[in-house]
PDB file of N, CA and C in Angstrom:
ATOM      1  N   MET A   1       8.880 -18.325  -2.018  1.00  0.00           N
ATOM      2  CA  MET A   1       9.121 -17.534  -3.209  1.00  0.00           C
ATOM      3  C   MET A   1       8.992 -18.397  -4.467  1.00  0.00           C
ATOM      4  N   ALA A   2       9.438 -19.638  -4.386  1.00  0.00           N
ATOM      5  CA  ALA A   2       9.432 -20.512  -5.560  1.00  0.00           C
ATOM      6  C   ALA A   2       8.011 -20.773  -6.056  1.00  0.00           C
ATOM      7  N   ASP A   3       7.062 -21.016  -5.126  1.00  0.00           N
ATOM      8  CA  ASP A   3       5.683 -21.277  -5.548  1.00  0.00           C
ATOM      9  C   ASP A   3       5.052 -20.046  -6.177  1.00  0.00           C
ATOM     10  N   THR A   4       5.301 -18.891  -5.585  1.00  0.00           N
ATOM     11  CA  THR A   4       4.764 -17.646  -6.128  1.00  0.00           C
ATOM     12  C   THR A   4       5.340 -17.390  -7.511  1.00  0.00           C
ATOM     13  N   LEU A   5       6.643 -17.558  -7.656  1.00  0.00           N
ATOM     14  CA  LEU A   5       7.280 -17.336  -8.956  1.00  0.00           C
ATOM     15  C   LEU A   5       6.732 -18.308  -9.997  1.00  0.00           C
ATOM     16  N   LYS A   6       6.557 -19.568  -9.619  1.00  0.00           N
ATOM     17  CA  LYS A   6       6.039 -20.570 -10.551  1.00  0.00           C
ATOM     18  C   LYS A   6       4.650 -20.182 -11.054  1.00  0.00           C
ATOM     19  N   LYS A   7       3.779 -19.803 -10.134  1.00  0.00           N
ATOM     20  CA  LYS A   7       2.416 -19.409 -10.507  1.00  0.00           C
ATOM     21  C   LYS A   7       2.432 -18.136 -11.349  1.00  0.00           C
ATOM     22  N   LEU A   8       3.301 -17.196 -11.016  1.00  0.00           N
ATOM     23  CA  LEU A   8       3.425 -15.961 -11.774  1.00  0.00           C
ATOM     24  C   LEU A   8       3.925 -16.248 -13.190  1.00  0.00           C
ATOM     25  N   LYS A   9       4.906 -17.133 -13.317  1.00  0.00           N
ATOM     26  CA  LYS A   9       5.429 -17.500 -14.634  1.00  0.00           C
ATOM     27  C   LYS A   9       4.355 -18.170 -15.488  1.00  0.00           C
ATOM     28  N   GLU A  10       3.531 -19.007 -14.866  1.00  0.00           N
ATOM     29  CA  GLU A  10       2.431 -19.640 -15.594  1.00  0.00           C
ATOM     30  C   GLU A  10       1.467 -18.582 -16.117  1.00  0.00           C
ATOM     31  N   GLY A  11       1.197 -17.581 -15.303  1.00  0.00           N
ATOM     32  CA  GLY A  11       0.341 -16.479 -15.728  1.00  0.00           C
ATOM     33  C   GLY A  11       0.958 -15.691 -16.867  1.00  0.00           C
ATOM     34  N   PHE A  12       2.266 -15.507 -16.802  1.00  0.00           N
ATOM     35  CA  PHE A  12       2.970 -14.790 -17.857  1.00  0.00           C
ATOM     36  C   PHE A  12       2.834 -15.514 -19.187  1.00  0.00           C
ATOM     37  N   GLU A  13       2.888 -16.839 -19.144  1.00  0.00           N
ATOM     38  CA  GLU A  13       2.762 -17.630 -20.377  1.00  0.00           C
ATOM     39  C   GLU A  13       1.391 -17.422 -21.011  1.00  0.00           C
ATOM     40  N   ASP A  14       0.354 -17.276 -20.181  1.00  0.00           N
ATOM     41  CA  ASP A  14      -0.987 -17.023 -20.700  1.00  0.00           C
ATOM     42  C   ASP A  14      -1.152 -15.579 -21.170  1.00  0.00           C
ATOM     43  N   LEU A  15      -0.647 -14.640 -20.375  1.00  0.00           N
ATOM     44  CA  LEU A  15      -0.806 -13.224 -20.697  1.00  0.00           C
ATOM     45  C   LEU A  15       0.080 -12.765 -21.850  1.00  0.00           C
ATOM     46  N   PHE A  16       1.277 -13.324 -21.912  1.00  0.00           N
ATOM     47  CA  PHE A  16       2.269 -12.883 -22.887  1.00  0.00           C
ATOM     48  C   PHE A  16       2.785 -14.087 -23.679  1.00  0.00           C
ATOM     49  N   PRO A  17       2.088 -14.495 -24.731  1.00  0.00           N
ATOM     50  CA  PRO A  17       2.513 -15.678 -25.494  1.00  0.00           C
ATOM     51  C   PRO A  17       3.945 -15.573 -26.019  1.00  0.00           C
ATOM     52  N   GLU A  18       4.438 -14.358 -26.237  1.00  0.00           N
ATOM     53  CA  GLU A  18       5.782 -14.166 -26.756  1.00  0.00           C
ATOM     54  C   GLU A  18       6.857 -14.454 -25.712  1.00  0.00           C
ATOM     55  N   VAL A  19       6.449 -14.650 -24.460  1.00  0.00           N
ATOM     56  CA  VAL A  19       7.398 -14.844 -23.369  1.00  0.00           C
ATOM     57  C   VAL A  19       8.201 -16.139 -23.549  1.00  0.00           C
ATOM     58  N   ASP A  20       7.695 -17.059 -24.361  1.00  0.00           N
ATOM     59  CA  ASP A  20       8.428 -18.304 -24.621  1.00  0.00           C
ATOM     60  C   ASP A  20       9.791 -18.039 -25.239  1.00  0.00           C
ATOM     61  N   ASN A  21       9.952 -16.889 -25.847  1.00  0.00           N
ATOM     62  CA  ASN A  21      11.202 -16.563 -26.534  1.00  0.00           C
ATOM     63  C   ASN A  21      12.273 -15.990 -25.613  1.00  0.00           C
ATOM     64  N   ILE A  22      11.934 -15.753 -24.349  1.00  0.00           N
ATOM     65  CA  ILE A  22      12.923 -15.213 -23.411  1.00  0.00           C
ATOM     66  C   ILE A  22      12.947 -16.071 -22.148  1.00  0.00           C
ATOM     67  N   ALA A  23      14.057 -16.032 -21.450  1.00  0.00           N
ATOM     68  CA  ALA A  23      14.173 -16.738 -20.174  1.00  0.00           C
ATOM     69  C   ALA A  23      13.588 -15.839 -19.088  1.00  0.00           C
ATOM     70  N   VAL A  24      12.524 -16.290 -18.449  1.00  0.00           N
ATOM     71  CA  VAL A  24      11.873 -15.514 -17.397  1.00  0.00           C
ATOM     72  C   VAL A  24      12.469 -15.930 -16.063  1.00  0.00           C
ATOM     73  N   THR A  25      13.135 -14.971 -15.405  1.00  0.00           N
ATOM     74  CA  THR A  25      13.768 -15.203 -14.116  1.00  0.00           C
ATOM     75  C   THR A  25      13.342 -14.102 -13.159  1.00  0.00           C
ATOM     76  N   LEU A  26      13.821 -14.177 -11.942  1.00  0.00           N
ATOM     77  CA  LEU A  26      13.529 -13.114 -10.972  1.00  0.00           C
ATOM     78  C   LEU A  26      14.055 -11.765 -11.435  1.00  0.00           C
ATOM     79  N   GLU A  27      15.109 -11.764 -12.248  1.00  0.00           N
ATOM     80  CA  GLU A  27      15.706 -10.513 -12.711  1.00  0.00           C
ATOM     81  C   GLU A  27      15.024  -9.950 -13.956  1.00  0.00           C
ATOM     82  N   THR A  28      14.092 -10.699 -14.551  1.00  0.00           N
ATOM     83  CA  THR A  28      13.400 -10.222 -15.746  1.00  0.00           C
ATOM     84  C   THR A  28      12.617  -8.961 -15.417  1.00  0.00           C
ATOM     85  N   ARG A  29      12.833  -7.933 -16.223  1.00  0.00           N
ATOM     86  CA  ARG A  29      12.073  -6.688 -16.080  1.00  0.00           C
ATOM     87  C   ARG A  29      10.825  -6.798 -16.954  1.00  0.00           C
ATOM     88  N   LEU A  30       9.758  -6.168 -16.545  1.00  0.00           N
ATOM     89  CA  LEU A  30       8.547  -6.203 -17.355  1.00  0.00           C
ATOM     90  C   LEU A  30       8.804  -5.646 -18.750  1.00  0.00           C
ATOM     91  N   GLY A  31       9.682  -4.670 -18.849  1.00  0.00           N
ATOM     92  CA  GLY A  31      10.025  -4.088 -20.147  1.00  0.00           C
ATOM     93  C   GLY A  31      10.769  -5.049 -21.063  1.00  0.00           C
ATOM     94  N   ASP A  32      11.298  -6.145 -20.506  1.00  0.00           N
ATOM     95  CA  ASP A  32      11.977  -7.161 -21.318  1.00  0.00           C
ATOM     96  C   ASP A  32      10.984  -8.051 -22.057  1.00  0.00           C
ATOM     97  N   ILE A  33       9.732  -8.003 -21.649  1.00  0.00           N
ATOM     98  CA  ILE A  33       8.710  -8.855 -22.245  1.00  0.00           C
ATOM     99  C   ILE A  33       8.213  -8.200 -23.528  1.00  0.00           C
ATOM    100  N   PRO A  34       8.262  -8.952 -24.631  1.00  0.00           N
ATOM    101  CA  PRO A  34       7.800  -8.381 -25.902  1.00  0.00           C
ATOM    102  C   PRO A  34       6.363  -7.862 -25.792  1.00  0.00           C
ATOM    103  N   ASP A  35       6.125  -6.705 -26.361  1.00  0.00           N
ATOM    104  CA  ASP A  35       4.798  -6.082 -26.407  1.00  0.00           C
ATOM    105  C   ASP A  35       4.248  -5.686 -25.039  1.00  0.00           C
ATOM    106  N   PHE A  36       5.112  -5.552 -24.018  1.00  0.00           N
ATOM    107  CA  PHE A  36       4.616  -5.082 -22.727  1.00  0.00           C
ATOM    108  C   PHE A  36       4.273  -3.608 -22.867  1.00  0.00           C
ATOM    109  N   ASP A  37       3.037  -3.264 -22.515  1.00  0.00           N
ATOM    110  CA  ASP A  37       2.578  -1.882 -22.572  1.00  0.00           C
ATOM    111  C   ASP A  37       1.583  -1.646 -21.438  1.00  0.00           C
ATOM    112  N   SER A  38       0.910  -0.506 -21.464  1.00  0.00           N
ATOM    113  CA  SER A  38       0.008  -0.172 -20.362  1.00  0.00           C
ATOM    114  C   SER A  38      -1.167  -1.152 -20.280  1.00  0.00           C
ATOM    115  N   MET A  39      -1.647  -1.632 -21.405  1.00  0.00           N
ATOM    116  CA  MET A  39      -2.739  -2.606 -21.373  1.00  0.00           C
ATOM    117  C   MET A  39      -2.258  -3.933 -20.781  1.00  0.00           C
ATOM    118  N   ALA A  40      -1.043  -4.321 -21.118  1.00  0.00           N
ATOM    119  CA  ALA A  40      -0.462  -5.540 -20.546  1.00  0.00           C
ATOM    120  C   ALA A  40      -0.305  -5.380 -19.035  1.00  0.00           C
ATOM    121  N   ALA A  41       0.047  -4.179 -18.586  1.00  0.00           N
ATOM    122  CA  ALA A  41       0.187  -3.924 -17.148  1.00  0.00           C
ATOM    123  C   ALA A  41      -1.163  -4.092 -16.443  1.00  0.00           C
ATOM    124  N   VAL A  42      -2.232  -3.617 -17.082  1.00  0.00           N
ATOM    125  CA  VAL A  42      -3.577  -3.778 -16.504  1.00  0.00           C
ATOM    126  C   VAL A  42      -3.944  -5.260 -16.431  1.00  0.00           C
ATOM    127  N   ASN A  43      -3.638  -5.998 -17.495  1.00  0.00           N
ATOM    128  CA  ASN A  43      -3.921  -7.440 -17.500  1.00  0.00           C
ATOM    129  C   ASN A  43      -3.129  -8.161 -16.409  1.00  0.00           C
ATOM    130  N   LEU A  44      -1.869  -7.769 -16.238  1.00  0.00           N
ATOM    131  CA  LEU A  44      -1.038  -8.360 -15.191  1.00  0.00           C
ATOM    132  C   LEU A  44      -1.592  -8.012 -13.811  1.00  0.00           C
ATOM    133  N   GLN A  45      -1.978  -6.777 -13.630  1.00  0.00           N
ATOM    134  CA  GLN A  45      -2.554  -6.339 -12.362  1.00  0.00           C
ATOM    135  C   GLN A  45      -3.796  -7.169 -12.023  1.00  0.00           C
ATOM    136  N   THR A  46      -4.648  -7.398 -13.009  1.00  0.00           N
ATOM    137  CA  THR A  46      -5.861  -8.197 -12.816  1.00  0.00           C
ATOM    138  C   THR A  46      -5.517  -9.640 -12.482  1.00  0.00           C
ATOM    139  N   PHE A  47      -4.550 -10.213 -13.201  1.00  0.00           N
ATOM    140  CA  PHE A  47      -4.112 -11.582 -12.928  1.00  0.00           C
ATOM    141  C   PHE A  47      -3.623 -11.715 -11.486  1.00  0.00           C
ATOM    142  N   ILE A  48      -2.808 -10.769 -11.043  1.00  0.00           N
ATOM    143  CA  ILE A  48      -2.272 -10.818  -9.673  1.00  0.00           C
ATOM    144  C   ILE A  48      -3.397 -10.709  -8.649  1.00  0.00           C
ATOM    145  N   ALA A  49      -4.334  -9.792  -8.889  1.00  0.00           N
ATOM    146  CA  ALA A  49      -5.451  -9.619  -7.951  1.00  0.00           C
ATOM    147  C   ALA A  49      -6.304 -10.884  -7.866  1.00  0.00           C
ATOM    148  N   GLU A  50      -6.576 -11.501  -9.015  1.00  0.00           N
ATOM    149  CA  GLU A  50      -7.438 -12.686  -9.035  1.00  0.00           C
ATOM    150  C   GLU A  50      -6.752 -13.938  -8.486  1.00  0.00           C
ATOM    151  N   ASN A  51      -5.447 -14.045  -8.683  1.00  0.00           N
ATOM    152  CA  ASN A  51      -4.744 -15.267  -8.306  1.00  0.00           C
ATOM    153  C   ASN A  51      -4.012 -15.200  -6.974  1.00  0.00           C
ATOM    154  N   PHE A  52      -3.701 -13.981  -6.523  1.00  0.00           N
ATOM    155  CA  PHE A  52      -2.953 -13.840  -5.274  1.00  0.00           C
ATOM    156  C   PHE A  52      -3.674 -12.973  -4.241  1.00  0.00           C
ATOM    157  N   ASN A  53      -4.823 -12.398  -4.629  1.00  0.00           N
ATOM    158  CA  ASN A  53      -5.591 -11.516  -3.740  1.00  0.00           C
ATOM    159  C   ASN A  53      -4.753 -10.349  -3.236  1.00  0.00           C
ATOM    160  N   VAL A  54      -3.940  -9.803  -4.127  1.00  0.00           N
ATOM    161  CA  VAL A  54      -3.112  -8.640  -3.807  1.00  0.00           C
ATOM    162  C   VAL A  54      -3.348  -7.592  -4.885  1.00  0.00           C
ATOM    163  N   ALA A  55      -3.660  -6.376  -4.459  1.00  0.00           N
ATOM    164  CA  ALA A  55      -3.904  -5.281  -5.399  1.00  0.00           C
ATOM    165  C   ALA A  55      -2.647  -4.423  -5.516  1.00  0.00           C
ATOM    166  N   ILE A  56      -1.906  -4.648  -6.585  1.00  0.00           N
ATOM    167  CA  ILE A  56      -0.685  -3.873  -6.824  1.00  0.00           C
ATOM    168  C   ILE A  56      -1.045  -2.698  -7.731  1.00  0.00           C
ATOM    169  N   PRO A  57      -0.760  -1.466  -7.306  1.00  0.00           N
ATOM    170  CA  PRO A  57      -1.063  -0.297  -8.135  1.00  0.00           C
ATOM    171  C   PRO A  57      -0.287  -0.348  -9.455  1.00  0.00           C
ATOM    172  N   LEU A  58      -0.904   0.187 -10.491  1.00  0.00           N
ATOM    173  CA  LEU A  58      -0.269   0.174 -11.815  1.00  0.00           C
ATOM    174  C   LEU A  58       1.076   0.881 -11.836  1.00  0.00           C
ATOM    175  N   ASP A  59       1.252   1.910 -11.008  1.00  0.00           N
ATOM    176  CA  ASP A  59       2.525   2.626 -11.031  1.00  0.00           C
ATOM    177  C   ASP A  59       3.680   1.768 -10.501  1.00  0.00           C
ATOM    178  N   LEU A  60       3.360   0.624  -9.889  1.00  0.00           N
ATOM    179  CA  LEU A  60       4.405  -0.300  -9.441  1.00  0.00           C
ATOM    180  C   LEU A  60       4.632  -1.429 -10.445  1.00  0.00           C
ATOM    181  N   LEU A  61       3.924  -1.371 -11.571  1.00  0.00           N
ATOM    182  CA  LEU A  61       4.070  -2.385 -12.618  1.00  0.00           C
ATOM    183  C   LEU A  61       4.612  -1.743 -13.892  1.00  0.00           C
ATOM    184  N   GLY A  62       5.672  -0.977 -13.743  1.00  0.00           N
ATOM    185  CA  GLY A  62       6.295  -0.304 -14.876  1.00  0.00           C
ATOM    186  C   GLY A  62       7.335  -1.168 -15.558  1.00  0.00           C
ATOM    187  N   GLU A  63       7.882  -0.667 -16.634  1.00  0.00           N
ATOM    188  CA  GLU A  63       8.848  -1.410 -17.443  1.00  0.00           C
ATOM    189  C   GLU A  63      10.103  -1.799 -16.681  1.00  0.00           C
ATOM    190  N   ASP A  64      10.474  -1.027 -15.669  1.00  0.00           N
ATOM    191  CA  ASP A  64      11.690  -1.327 -14.910  1.00  0.00           C
ATOM    192  C   ASP A  64      11.443  -2.278 -13.735  1.00  0.00           C
ATOM    193  N   THR A  65      10.191  -2.618 -13.481  1.00  0.00           N
ATOM    194  CA  THR A  65       9.865  -3.517 -12.379  1.00  0.00           C
ATOM    195  C   THR A  65      10.308  -4.936 -12.718  1.00  0.00           C
ATOM    196  N   THR A  66      10.980  -5.586 -11.771  1.00  0.00           N
ATOM    197  CA  THR A  66      11.428  -6.962 -11.983  1.00  0.00           C
ATOM    198  C   THR A  66      10.418  -7.940 -11.388  1.00  0.00           C
ATOM    199  N   LEU A  67      10.501  -9.173 -11.825  1.00  0.00           N
ATOM    200  CA  LEU A  67       9.639 -10.204 -11.247  1.00  0.00           C
ATOM    201  C   LEU A  67       9.933 -10.374  -9.769  1.00  0.00           C
ATOM    202  N   LYS A  68      11.177 -10.196  -9.373  1.00  0.00           N
ATOM    203  CA  LYS A  68      11.534 -10.297  -7.954  1.00  0.00           C
ATOM    204  C   LYS A  68      10.754  -9.259  -7.143  1.00  0.00           C
ATOM    205  N   GLU A  69      10.652  -8.044  -7.656  1.00  0.00           N
ATOM    206  CA  GLU A  69       9.903  -7.003  -6.957  1.00  0.00           C
ATOM    207  C   GLU A  69       8.422  -7.366  -6.863  1.00  0.00           C
ATOM    208  N   ILE A  70       7.873  -7.929  -7.938  1.00  0.00           N
ATOM    209  CA  ILE A  70       6.468  -8.320  -7.929  1.00  0.00           C
ATOM    210  C   ILE A  70       6.240  -9.453  -6.932  1.00  0.00           C
ATOM    211  N   VAL A  71       7.104 -10.466  -6.964  1.00  0.00           N
ATOM    212  CA  VAL A  71       6.988 -11.584  -6.021  1.00  0.00           C
ATOM    213  C   VAL A  71       7.074 -11.065  -4.593  1.00  0.00           C
ATOM    214  N   ASP A  72       7.979 -10.137  -4.345  1.00  0.00           N
ATOM    215  CA  ASP A  72       8.146  -9.579  -3.004  1.00  0.00           C
ATOM    216  C   ASP A  72       6.868  -8.866  -2.549  1.00  0.00           C
ATOM    217  N   LEU A  73       6.232  -8.119  -3.449  1.00  0.00           N
ATOM    218  CA  LEU A  73       4.992  -7.425  -3.099  1.00  0.00           C
ATOM    219  C   LEU A  73       3.850  -8.411  -2.869  1.00  0.00           C
ATOM    220  N   ILE A  74       3.812  -9.484  -3.660  1.00  0.00           N
ATOM    221  CA  ILE A  74       2.768 -10.494  -3.482  1.00  0.00           C
ATOM    222  C   ILE A  74       2.934 -11.192  -2.131  1.00  0.00           C
ATOM    223  N   GLU A  75       4.153 -11.541  -1.802  1.00  0.00           N
ATOM    224  CA  GLU A  75       4.407 -12.285  -0.566  1.00  0.00           C
ATOM    225  C   GLU A  75       4.428 -11.401   0.668  1.00  0.00           C
ATOM    226  N   ASN A  76       4.611 -10.111   0.483  1.00  0.00           N
ATOM    227  CA  ASN A  76       4.670  -9.156   1.598  1.00  0.00           C
ATOM    228  C   ASN A  76       3.786  -7.953   1.280  1.00  0.00           C
ATOM    229  N   PRO A  77       2.467  -8.145   1.217  1.00  0.00           N
ATOM    230  CA  PRO A  77       1.588  -7.048   0.805  1.00  0.00           C
ATOM    231  C   PRO A  77       1.657  -5.825   1.714  1.00  0.00           C
ATOM    232  N   GLY A  78       2.168  -5.988   2.916  1.00  0.00           N
ATOM    233  CA  GLY A  78       2.342  -4.833   3.799  1.00  0.00           C
ATOM    234  C   GLY A  78       3.291  -3.805   3.218  1.00  0.00           C
ATOM    235  N   LYS A  79       4.172  -4.244   2.331  1.00  0.00           N
ATOM    236  CA  LYS A  79       5.110  -3.318   1.692  1.00  0.00           C
ATOM    237  C   LYS A  79       4.401  -2.374   0.732  1.00  0.00           C
ATOM    238  N   LEU A  80       3.209  -2.745   0.274  1.00  0.00           N
ATOM    239  CA  LEU A  80       2.470  -1.881  -0.642  1.00  0.00           C
ATOM    240  C   LEU A  80       2.128  -0.563   0.000  1.00  0.00           C
ATOM    241  N   ALA A  81       1.720  -0.601   1.268  1.00  0.00           N
ATOM    242  CA  ALA A  81       1.384   0.632   1.978  1.00  0.00           C
ATOM    243  C   ALA A  81       2.629   1.489   2.132  1.00  0.00           C
ATOM    244  N   ALA A  82       3.756   0.853   2.423  1.00  0.00           N
ATOM    245  CA  ALA A  82       4.998   1.602   2.598  1.00  0.00           C
ATOM    246  C   ALA A  82       5.502   2.139   1.256  1.00  0.00           C
ATOM    247  N   ALA A  83       5.237   1.409   0.174  1.00  0.00           N
ATOM    248  CA  ALA A  83       5.730   1.817  -1.140  1.00  0.00           C
ATOM    249  C   ALA A  83       4.974   3.037  -1.647  1.00  0.00           C
ATOM    250  N   GLY A  84       3.709   3.170  -1.247  1.00  0.00           N
ATOM    251  CA  GLY A  84       2.921   4.295  -1.735  1.00  0.00           C
ATOM    252  C   GLY A  84       2.924   4.313  -3.247  1.00  0.00           C
ATOM    253  N   THR A  85       3.393   5.413  -3.815  1.00  0.00           N
ATOM    254  CA  THR A  85       3.452   5.518  -5.276  1.00  0.00           C
ATOM    255  C   THR A  85       4.891   5.392  -5.751  1.00  0.00           C
ATOM    256  N   GLN A  86       5.785   4.989  -4.879  1.00  0.00           N
ATOM    257  CA  GLN A  86       7.194   4.836  -5.272  1.00  0.00           C
ATOM    258  C   GLN A  86       7.499   3.383  -5.530  1.00  0.00           C
ATOM    259  N   ARG A  87       8.430   3.134  -6.433  1.00  0.00           N
ATOM    260  CA  ARG A  87       8.847   1.774  -6.740  1.00  0.00           C
ATOM    261  C   ARG A  87       9.539   1.158  -5.542  1.00  0.00           C
ATOM    262  N   PRO A  88       9.303  -0.142  -5.297  1.00  0.00           N
ATOM    263  CA  PRO A  88      10.010  -0.807  -4.202  1.00  0.00           C
ATOM    264  C   PRO A  88      11.491  -0.938  -4.517  1.00  0.00           C
ATOM    265  N   LYS A  89      12.299  -0.997  -3.489  1.00  0.00           N
ATOM    266  CA  LYS A  89      13.755  -1.148  -3.677  1.00  0.00           C
ATOM    267  C   LYS A  89      14.134  -2.593  -3.557  1.00  0.00           C
TER     268      LYS A  89
END
């Protein structure tokens, strides 16, 4: 989990320059990131696909999604099929 989180945080720094102003942890919600919107979600989705070879649907990258949930989906892509269009628990 630590390596995935580290790489994800590095991506966040590139995608969201304003992220330097907040502490990014596993509990950080995407909505906590300044200027997070639907375009930012698409950029994040692309970053995850290119860097982790995991295709996370946009409906799972909403404002209430935490980094922990994203890391869990990256490390356990089988959960994506089970999640369908519902947010992971």
